[in-house]
Protein backbone atom coordinates (compact mmCIF):
# COMPACT_ATOMS: atom_id res chain seq x y z
CA MET A 1 162.84 106.91 25.50
CA ALA A 2 159.37 108.47 25.06
CA VAL A 3 156.91 109.22 27.87
CA THR A 4 153.14 108.77 27.89
CA ILE A 5 150.97 111.72 28.84
CA LYS A 6 148.61 110.77 31.66
CA ASP A 7 146.56 113.96 31.63
CA VAL A 8 146.44 117.44 30.14
CA TYR A 9 145.37 120.24 32.45
CA ARG A 10 142.20 121.91 31.20
CA ASN A 11 142.78 125.34 29.65
CA SER A 12 146.56 124.86 29.78
CA TYR A 13 148.75 125.76 26.81
CA ALA A 14 149.13 122.08 25.91
CA TYR A 15 145.34 121.58 26.11
CA ARG A 16 144.69 124.50 23.78
CA ALA A 17 147.29 123.14 21.36
CA GLY A 18 145.40 119.85 21.14
CA CYS A 19 147.51 117.51 23.32
CA GLU A 20 145.53 114.62 24.77
CA ALA A 21 145.88 112.05 27.51
CA GLY A 22 147.35 108.85 26.08
CA ASP A 23 149.54 110.68 23.58
CA THR A 24 153.27 110.06 23.78
CA LEU A 25 155.67 112.99 24.13
CA LEU A 26 158.76 112.27 22.03
CA SER A 27 160.68 115.56 22.06
CA ILE A 28 160.53 119.30 22.72
CA ASN A 29 162.32 121.56 20.25
CA GLY A 30 164.23 118.52 18.96
CA ASN A 31 165.38 117.45 22.43
CA GLU A 32 164.43 113.91 23.43
CA ILE A 33 162.33 113.75 26.60
CA VAL A 34 163.52 110.96 28.87
CA ASP A 35 162.33 112.05 32.29
CA VAL A 36 161.11 114.91 34.45
CA LEU A 37 164.35 116.92 34.25
CA ASP A 38 164.24 116.98 30.45
CA TYR A 39 160.59 117.98 30.49
CA ARG A 40 160.97 120.69 33.10
CA PHE A 41 164.00 122.21 31.42
CA TYR A 42 162.89 122.18 27.80
CA GLN A 43 159.32 123.37 28.47
CA LEU A 44 160.56 126.70 29.82
CA ASN A 45 161.00 128.42 26.43
CA SER A 46 158.20 130.54 25.00
CA ASP A 47 158.11 128.96 21.52
CA LEU A 48 157.87 125.17 21.58
CA GLU A 49 157.61 122.43 19.01
CA LEU A 50 156.39 119.19 20.55
CA LYS A 51 156.78 115.96 18.63
CA ILE A 52 153.81 113.82 19.62
CA ARG A 53 152.80 110.26 18.78
CA ASP A 54 149.05 109.94 19.18
CA LYS A 55 147.10 106.91 20.36
CA LYS A 56 146.86 105.63 16.77
CA GLY A 57 150.64 105.69 16.39
CA VAL A 58 150.70 108.76 14.12
CA VAL A 59 153.60 111.15 14.80
CA HIS A 60 152.92 114.86 14.35
CA THR A 61 154.24 118.22 15.53
CA VAL A 62 152.35 120.50 17.91
CA LYS A 63 153.40 124.15 18.17
CA VAL A 64 152.90 126.02 21.43
CA ARG A 65 153.52 129.69 22.22
CA LYS A 66 153.40 130.72 25.88
CA PRO A 67 155.10 133.10 28.32
CA GLU A 68 158.64 132.02 29.15
CA TYR A 69 158.95 129.81 32.27
CA GLU A 70 155.20 129.12 32.50
CA GLU A 71 154.06 125.49 32.78
CA LEU A 72 153.05 123.67 29.62
CA GLY A 73 150.32 121.70 31.39
CA LEU A 74 151.13 118.02 30.97
CA GLU A 75 150.88 115.36 33.67
CA PHE A 76 152.65 111.99 33.65
CA ASP A 77 152.21 108.68 35.47
CA THR A 78 154.93 109.41 38.03
CA TYR A 79 156.69 112.56 39.13
CA LEU A 80 159.95 111.18 37.68
CA MET A 81 158.33 109.90 34.46
CA ASP A 82 160.69 106.95 34.98
CA LYS A 83 161.68 104.40 37.65
CA GLU A 84 163.37 105.69 40.77
CA LYS A 85 167.06 104.77 40.97
CA SER A 86 168.14 102.68 43.94
CA CYS A 87 171.42 102.97 45.81
CA ARG A 88 174.32 100.74 44.76
CA ASN A 89 176.28 101.27 47.95
CA LYS A 90 176.38 99.26 51.16
CA CYS A 91 177.39 102.05 53.53
CA ILE A 92 178.53 100.94 56.95
CA PHE A 93 176.25 103.53 58.58
CA CYS A 94 173.15 103.02 56.40
CA PHE A 95 170.08 103.40 58.60
CA ILE A 96 167.94 101.24 56.30
CA ASP A 97 170.29 98.29 56.87
CA GLN A 98 169.60 98.72 60.59
CA LEU A 99 165.83 98.38 60.34
CA PRO A 100 164.11 95.34 61.81
CA ASP A 101 162.19 92.95 59.60
CA GLY A 102 158.47 93.31 59.13
CA MET A 103 158.16 97.03 58.43
CA ARG A 104 156.34 98.36 55.35
CA GLU A 105 158.16 97.62 52.11
CA SER A 106 158.71 101.24 51.07
CA LEU A 107 160.95 101.85 54.10
CA TYR A 108 163.55 99.40 52.80
CA PHE A 109 164.05 101.17 49.47
CA LYS A 110 167.34 103.12 49.26
CA ASP A 111 167.08 105.94 46.75
CA ASP A 112 170.14 107.48 45.13
CA ASP A 113 168.58 109.51 42.33
CA SER A 114 169.87 112.88 41.12
CA ARG A 115 166.37 113.85 40.03
CA LEU A 116 165.09 113.49 43.59
CA SER A 117 167.94 115.73 44.71
CA PHE A 118 166.66 118.40 42.34
CA LEU A 119 162.95 117.89 43.09
CA PHE A 120 162.92 117.23 46.83
CA GLY A 121 166.39 118.01 48.19
CA ASN A 122 167.41 114.36 48.69
CA TYR A 123 171.11 113.65 49.07
CA ILE A 124 172.91 111.50 46.50
CA THR A 125 176.30 109.77 46.61
CA LEU A 126 177.29 110.39 42.93
CA THR A 127 178.07 106.67 42.51
CA ASN A 128 174.89 106.24 40.45
CA LEU A 129 175.48 109.05 37.94
CA THR A 130 176.09 108.29 34.27
CA GLU A 131 178.11 110.55 32.01
CA HIS A 132 174.85 111.59 30.36
CA GLU A 133 173.41 112.67 33.70
CA ILE A 134 176.54 114.57 34.69
CA SER A 135 176.57 116.42 31.36
CA ARG A 136 172.87 117.17 31.69
CA ILE A 137 173.28 118.67 35.17
CA ILE A 138 176.00 120.93 33.78
CA LYS A 139 174.08 121.81 30.62
CA MET A 140 170.86 122.60 32.47
CA HIS A 141 172.78 124.16 35.34
CA ILE A 142 170.72 122.22 37.87
CA SER A 143 171.39 123.69 41.31
CA PRO A 144 171.76 122.93 44.05
CA VAL A 145 172.95 119.33 43.94
CA ASN A 146 172.92 117.71 47.39
CA VAL A 147 175.74 115.25 47.88
CA SER A 148 176.44 112.73 50.64
CA VAL A 149 180.23 112.99 50.70
CA HIS A 150 181.17 111.49 54.11
CA THR A 151 184.88 111.69 53.27
CA THR A 152 187.08 113.06 50.48
CA ASN A 153 189.68 110.37 51.13
CA PRO A 154 189.04 108.07 48.12
CA GLU A 155 190.27 104.89 49.81
CA LEU A 156 188.29 105.57 52.97
CA ARG A 157 185.16 106.39 50.97
CA VAL A 158 185.43 103.02 49.21
CA ARG A 159 185.70 101.26 52.57
CA MET A 160 182.85 103.20 54.19
CA MET A 161 180.47 102.89 51.24
CA LYS A 162 181.58 99.40 50.16
CA ASN A 163 181.58 100.44 46.53
CA ARG A 164 184.80 100.30 44.51
CA PHE A 165 183.68 103.31 42.48
CA ALA A 166 182.98 105.49 45.51
CA GLY A 167 186.44 107.10 45.45
CA ASP A 168 186.40 107.81 41.72
CA SER A 169 183.00 109.47 41.94
CA LEU A 170 184.55 112.27 44.03
CA LYS A 171 185.94 113.61 40.74
CA ILE A 172 182.38 114.49 39.79
CA LEU A 173 182.29 116.98 42.65
CA LYS A 174 185.19 118.84 41.09
CA ARG A 175 183.56 118.87 37.66
CA LEU A 176 180.29 120.20 39.02
CA SER A 177 182.06 122.86 41.06
CA GLU A 178 184.12 124.00 38.07
CA HIS A 179 180.89 124.55 36.13
CA GLY A 180 179.33 126.67 38.85
CA ILE A 181 176.89 124.09 40.21
CA VAL A 182 175.92 124.90 43.80
CA LEU A 183 176.85 121.98 46.05
CA ASN A 184 175.30 121.23 49.42
CA THR A 185 177.17 118.43 51.13
CA GLN A 186 176.55 116.07 54.01
CA ILE A 187 178.87 114.04 56.21
CA VAL A 188 177.60 111.19 58.38
CA CYS A 189 180.32 111.21 61.00
CA CYS A 190 181.36 107.82 62.39
CA PRO A 191 183.80 107.73 65.34
CA GLY A 192 186.98 105.89 64.41
CA TRP A 193 186.30 106.22 60.70
CA ASN A 194 185.86 109.71 59.28
CA ASP A 195 186.16 111.89 62.36
CA GLY A 196 189.16 113.81 63.76
CA GLU A 197 191.91 114.38 61.20
CA GLU A 198 189.87 112.75 58.44
CA LEU A 199 187.04 115.18 59.13
CA LYS A 200 189.47 118.10 58.98
CA ARG A 201 190.76 116.86 55.63
CA THR A 202 187.26 116.47 54.22
CA ILE A 203 185.93 119.89 55.21
CA GLN A 204 189.11 121.56 53.92
CA ASP A 205 188.79 119.75 50.59
CA LEU A 206 185.16 120.79 50.33
CA TYR A 207 186.09 124.36 51.18
CA ASP A 208 188.63 124.29 48.33
CA LEU A 209 185.84 123.09 46.01
CA ASN A 210 183.81 126.15 47.03
CA VAL A 211 180.80 124.14 48.21
CA ASN A 212 177.85 126.07 49.56
CA LEU A 213 177.18 123.97 52.64
CA ILE A 214 178.70 121.22 54.80
CA GLY A 215 176.32 119.55 57.25
CA VAL A 216 177.82 117.06 59.72
CA VAL A 217 175.48 114.64 61.46
CA PRO A 218 176.31 111.85 63.93
CA VAL A 219 175.84 108.26 62.85
CA GLY A 220 172.57 106.76 64.02
CA LEU A 221 173.03 103.30 65.55
CA THR A 222 170.00 101.08 66.14
CA LYS A 223 169.99 97.82 68.09
CA TYR A 224 169.64 95.88 64.82
CA ARG A 225 173.29 95.91 63.71
CA GLU A 226 174.06 92.22 63.86
CA GLY A 227 176.47 91.30 61.05
CA LEU A 228 177.31 94.93 60.23
CA GLU A 229 180.60 96.79 60.63
CA GLU A 230 181.42 97.84 64.16
CA ILE A 231 180.92 101.56 64.76
CA GLN A 232 181.34 103.15 68.15
CA PRO A 233 178.67 105.61 69.31
CA PHE A 234 179.63 109.20 70.01
CA THR A 235 180.93 109.86 73.48
CA GLU A 236 180.77 113.31 75.05
CA GLU A 237 184.51 113.73 74.42
CA LYS A 238 184.27 112.72 70.76
CA ALA A 239 181.22 114.95 70.22
CA ARG A 240 183.09 117.90 71.75
CA GLU A 241 186.09 117.28 69.51
CA THR A 242 183.83 117.20 66.45
CA VAL A 243 181.88 120.34 67.34
CA ASP A 244 185.12 122.17 68.17
CA ILE A 245 186.57 121.28 64.75
CA LEU A 246 183.47 122.53 62.96
CA GLU A 247 183.11 125.72 64.97
CA ALA A 248 186.76 126.67 64.43
CA PHE A 249 186.41 125.91 60.73
CA GLY A 250 183.17 127.89 60.59
CA GLU A 251 184.85 130.93 62.12
CA MET A 252 187.52 130.76 59.43
CA CYS A 253 184.82 130.57 56.76
CA LEU A 254 183.10 133.60 58.24
CA GLN A 255 186.29 135.59 57.73
CA THR A 256 187.00 134.34 54.20
CA LYS A 257 183.55 133.68 52.72
CA GLY A 258 181.22 135.75 54.88
CA LYS A 259 179.29 132.65 56.03
CA ARG A 260 180.11 129.60 58.10
CA ILE A 261 179.22 126.96 55.47
CA ALA A 262 179.99 124.12 57.97
CA TYR A 263 177.63 123.15 60.79
CA ALA A 264 177.22 120.37 63.34
CA ALA A 265 173.83 118.78 63.90
CA ASP A 266 171.92 119.70 67.05
CA GLU A 267 172.46 116.13 68.24
CA LEU A 268 176.22 116.65 68.33
CA TYR A 269 175.85 119.73 70.54
CA ILE A 270 173.56 117.79 72.86
CA LYS A 271 175.93 114.82 73.06
CA ALA A 272 178.80 117.22 73.72
CA GLY A 273 176.91 118.92 76.54
CA TYR A 274 177.29 122.24 74.76
CA GLU A 275 174.71 125.01 74.53
CA ILE A 276 172.79 125.10 71.25
CA PRO A 277 173.86 128.32 69.45
CA ASP A 278 171.43 131.18 68.88
CA ALA A 279 169.44 131.34 65.67
CA SER A 280 171.79 133.97 64.18
CA PHE A 281 174.55 131.33 64.17
CA TYR A 282 172.74 129.32 61.49
CA GLY A 283 172.31 132.04 58.88
CA ASP A 284 169.39 131.09 56.61
CA PHE A 285 169.00 127.62 58.20
CA GLU A 286 170.03 125.96 54.93
CA ALA A 287 170.82 122.66 56.68
CA ILE A 288 167.73 122.43 58.88
CA GLU A 289 166.50 119.29 57.08
CA ASN A 290 169.61 117.57 58.45
CA GLY A 291 168.63 118.42 62.02
CA ILE A 292 170.96 121.43 62.05
CA GLY A 293 169.45 124.48 63.76
CA LEU A 294 166.07 122.89 64.51
CA ILE A 295 166.15 123.79 68.19
CA ALA A 296 167.50 127.28 67.59
CA GLN A 297 164.79 128.07 65.04
CA LEU A 298 161.98 126.68 67.20
CA ARG A 299 163.29 128.52 70.26
CA GLU A 300 163.54 131.87 68.47
CA ASP A 301 160.15 131.60 66.76
CA LEU A 302 158.32 130.61 69.92
CA ARG A 303 159.97 133.26 72.10
CA ASP A 304 159.28 135.99 69.55
CA GLU A 305 155.63 134.94 69.35
CA LEU A 306 155.34 134.61 73.11
CA GLU A 307 156.70 138.12 73.65
CA TRP A 308 154.23 139.55 71.14
CA ARG A 309 151.16 137.91 72.66
CA GLU A 310 149.13 139.40 75.48
CA ALA A 311 149.01 137.39 78.69
CA ASP A 312 145.60 135.79 79.20
CA ASP A 313 144.74 134.30 82.60
CA SER A 314 141.39 133.09 81.28
CA ILE A 315 142.97 130.21 79.36
CA HIS A 316 142.79 127.04 81.47
CA ARG A 317 144.26 124.08 79.68
CA THR A 318 146.58 121.12 80.21
CA VAL A 319 148.45 119.56 77.31
CA SER A 320 151.31 117.11 76.92
CA ILE A 321 154.26 117.00 74.55
CA ALA A 322 155.93 113.68 73.66
CA CYS A 323 159.41 114.06 72.21
CA GLY A 324 162.82 112.45 71.92
CA VAL A 325 165.04 112.30 74.97
CA SER A 326 167.49 114.78 73.45
CA ALA A 327 164.88 117.48 72.77
CA ALA A 328 163.03 117.19 76.09
CA PRO A 329 165.12 119.64 78.18
CA TYR A 330 164.82 122.36 75.54
CA LEU A 331 161.07 121.93 75.21
CA ARG A 332 160.70 121.91 78.98
CA GLU A 333 162.56 125.23 79.20
CA LEU A 334 160.32 126.77 76.55
CA MET A 335 157.15 125.46 78.14
CA ASP A 336 158.20 126.91 81.51
CA GLU A 337 158.26 130.31 79.80
CA VAL A 338 154.79 129.70 78.34
CA GLU A 339 153.42 128.72 81.75
CA GLN A 340 154.88 131.86 83.34
CA LYS A 341 152.98 134.09 80.92
CA PHE A 342 149.80 132.02 80.67
CA THR A 343 149.34 131.00 84.29
CA GLY A 344 146.30 128.84 83.63
CA VAL A 345 148.21 126.64 81.21
CA LYS A 346 150.00 123.46 82.26
CA VAL A 347 152.33 121.57 79.88
CA ASN A 348 153.69 118.08 80.56
CA VAL A 349 156.83 117.21 78.58
CA TYR A 350 157.40 113.47 78.28
CA PRO A 351 160.73 112.22 76.89
CA ILE A 352 160.12 108.93 75.08
CA VAL A 353 162.86 106.30 75.31
CA ASN A 354 163.25 104.60 71.93
CA ASP A 355 162.69 100.97 72.84
CA PHE A 356 161.88 100.12 69.21
CA PHE A 357 165.21 101.17 67.65
CA GLY A 358 167.31 101.17 70.82
CA GLU A 359 168.32 103.80 73.33
CA GLN A 360 171.13 105.13 71.13
CA ILE A 361 168.37 106.65 68.97
CA ASN A 362 166.94 109.59 70.90
CA VAL A 363 165.66 112.09 68.32
CA SER A 364 161.96 112.90 68.10
CA GLY A 365 161.56 112.00 64.43
CA LEU A 366 162.29 108.31 65.03
CA ILE A 367 159.79 107.73 67.83
CA VAL A 368 157.28 105.04 66.90
CA GLY A 369 153.64 104.59 67.78
CA ARG A 370 154.02 101.57 70.04
CA ASP A 371 156.57 103.40 72.23
CA LEU A 372 154.19 106.34 72.60
CA ILE A 373 151.39 104.00 73.65
CA SER A 374 153.43 101.92 76.08
CA GLN A 375 155.17 104.84 77.79
CA LEU A 376 152.24 107.27 77.98
CA LYS A 377 149.57 104.81 79.05
CA ASN A 378 148.07 105.91 82.38
CA LYS A 379 150.09 109.17 82.31
CA PRO A 380 148.18 112.44 82.83
CA LEU A 381 147.92 113.90 79.31
CA GLY A 382 145.33 116.65 79.67
CA ASN A 383 143.39 118.04 76.71
CA ALA A 384 145.75 117.05 73.88
CA LEU A 385 148.98 115.24 73.08
CA LEU A 386 151.40 117.13 70.83
CA ILE A 387 153.99 115.24 68.78
CA SER A 388 156.47 116.19 66.09
CA SER A 389 155.05 115.71 62.59
CA ALA A 390 158.47 114.22 61.73
CA MET A 391 157.36 111.04 63.51
CA LEU A 392 154.80 110.43 60.76
CA ARG A 393 155.03 109.87 57.04
CA PHE A 394 154.05 112.70 54.67
CA GLU A 395 150.32 111.96 54.97
CA ASN A 396 150.52 112.45 58.77
CA ASP A 397 148.92 109.05 59.40
CA LEU A 398 151.50 106.28 59.98
CA PHE A 399 154.47 106.00 62.33
CA LEU A 400 157.57 104.09 61.24
CA ASP A 401 156.27 100.92 62.93
CA ASP A 402 153.05 101.12 60.87
CA VAL A 403 150.97 102.11 63.88
CA HIS A 404 148.26 104.53 62.73
CA ILE A 405 147.84 107.83 64.54
CA ASP A 406 144.19 106.92 65.13
CA ASP A 407 145.35 103.85 67.08
CA VAL A 408 147.43 106.06 69.34
CA LYS A 409 144.47 108.39 69.86
CA ARG A 410 142.17 105.50 70.70
CA LYS A 411 144.53 103.63 73.04
CA LEU A 412 145.58 106.76 74.92
CA ASN A 413 142.10 108.28 74.74
CA ILE A 414 143.52 111.63 73.70
CA ASN A 415 143.51 113.92 70.68
CA VAL A 416 146.97 113.68 69.08
CA LEU A 417 148.19 116.77 67.20
CA PRO A 418 151.22 116.52 64.87
CA ILE A 419 153.16 119.79 65.00
CA ASN A 420 155.78 121.04 62.55
CA ASN A 421 159.05 122.56 63.78
CA ASP A 422 157.28 125.91 64.03
CA GLY A 423 157.19 127.98 67.19
CA VAL A 424 153.96 129.77 66.33
CA MET A 425 152.20 126.50 65.49
CA LEU A 426 153.45 124.94 68.73
CA LEU A 427 152.29 127.87 70.86
CA ASP A 428 148.87 127.87 69.18
CA ALA A 429 148.49 124.15 69.88
CA VAL A 430 149.50 124.58 73.54
CA LEU A 431 147.03 127.43 74.02
CA GLY A 432 144.22 125.66 72.17
CA ASN A 433 144.16 127.94 69.14
CA SER A 434 144.54 125.10 66.61
CA ASN A 435 142.54 122.04 65.68
C-alpha cells in the first residue's frame, strides 16, 4: 500500500531533494511504507532512498542524506496515513456502550489500534493485531506498548470481552515480553468478575512477564446499562480488599524489582475510605493518565508552590471550583491552606453530582456542561469558575454533552477557566495570575 504526500515542509530534507505534494511514497530503502509506523521508523537513517511515484505516474528514486533521527519533512492526510482500527470486542464494562443516544458521533467510536498506543499512549486489547503487526512491533522495537489486559485467565477474558479470540491473544503478551518490549498494562476491575483471587492471579502473571506497569481502575457504571451484563458497583469493603491486594503486591515488587509496578486508581482509595498516598508512593507517576496519583501530584505541586510564595494580603478575590464529588474534599483541604496564607482570597468548592451519567460516576473528567449550569445557577461564584480541563475535549471547547464552554460562561455569567492537573496552574488561577 502506497501513501500520498499531502505536503512537504519548506526547507526540509525532502523539499531539498525535490519531493512534492501529490507525489506517492512507495518505499524507503526498499521497505514498503504502509502507515505512520513504517514511515517514522524507516526515515530515521541518515542515507535514504525514497521510491516515489509522481503525479504523472512516473516512478523514480530520490536520494536523501540527513543527520540520523532527524525528520524527513513529509506530511500526510492523516496522522496514521491509514484508517483508524476499531475495536472488535464487546466488553461488559465498555464505557462507550453505556453512553446515551444523541451525543456527537466521534464519541461512539471504539479505537483498538496499536499505532495509537505508540503515538498517544492509548491502550489496546491485542485482539486486533495481525501477525504482520506483531512482527513489526518486535522488529522496530516499539516501546512501550499499552495493553488492556483485565485478566490473564483466558476463559474469563473471553467472557468479559465477548470475543472468542480474547484468550488466545494473551500469548502475544508473552511474545512481546520475550523480545524486550516494555509493557504497560491496565485492568478494569469489575466486582464479581476479575477481582479478588482472579486479580491476584492476573497481577502475578503480569509480574512473571516482567511488565513495566499494572494500573487497576474501578469499572465505571452509568445509568444507561439496560440490556448489558450485570456488574455490581464497588462497595467500601470491596474497594478496601482491592487496594489491600495491590498495596501488598506493590510492597513485594519494591523488594524484588525496586519499584511497585502495580497501583490502584485514586477512585479506589476514595471508595475504600483510605488516605491517598503521598506523591513519593507513585514513583514517576507513569500511570497518571489512568487516574492513578492525580490527587497526590496535584497536592504536592500546589503545596510546594504555596510554601515558596510570599503571603500577600493585598489580593482580594473570590473564585469557585467545580469538580467531581470524589475530588471535592481534597480540593477543599488544599483551598483552606491557600486561604490561610492569602487571607483576602475566598474559594468556593462545589461538588457536582453527575445527573447526566448517573451518581455512580463521580470523577471530575466526566462532568458535563448541563450539570454545571443546572447545579451552579444562582450560586455565588465570584470572579471566576475553575474546572478541570479533562471535562473538555482536546480543543478545550466542548463538554461530553456537546455543550460549549461559551454557553456555560453565558448562562452562569462567569469566566470559566479550564485548569490542567497542575498545582502551580491552579494556584495562579485562584490568585488571579492567569487569564
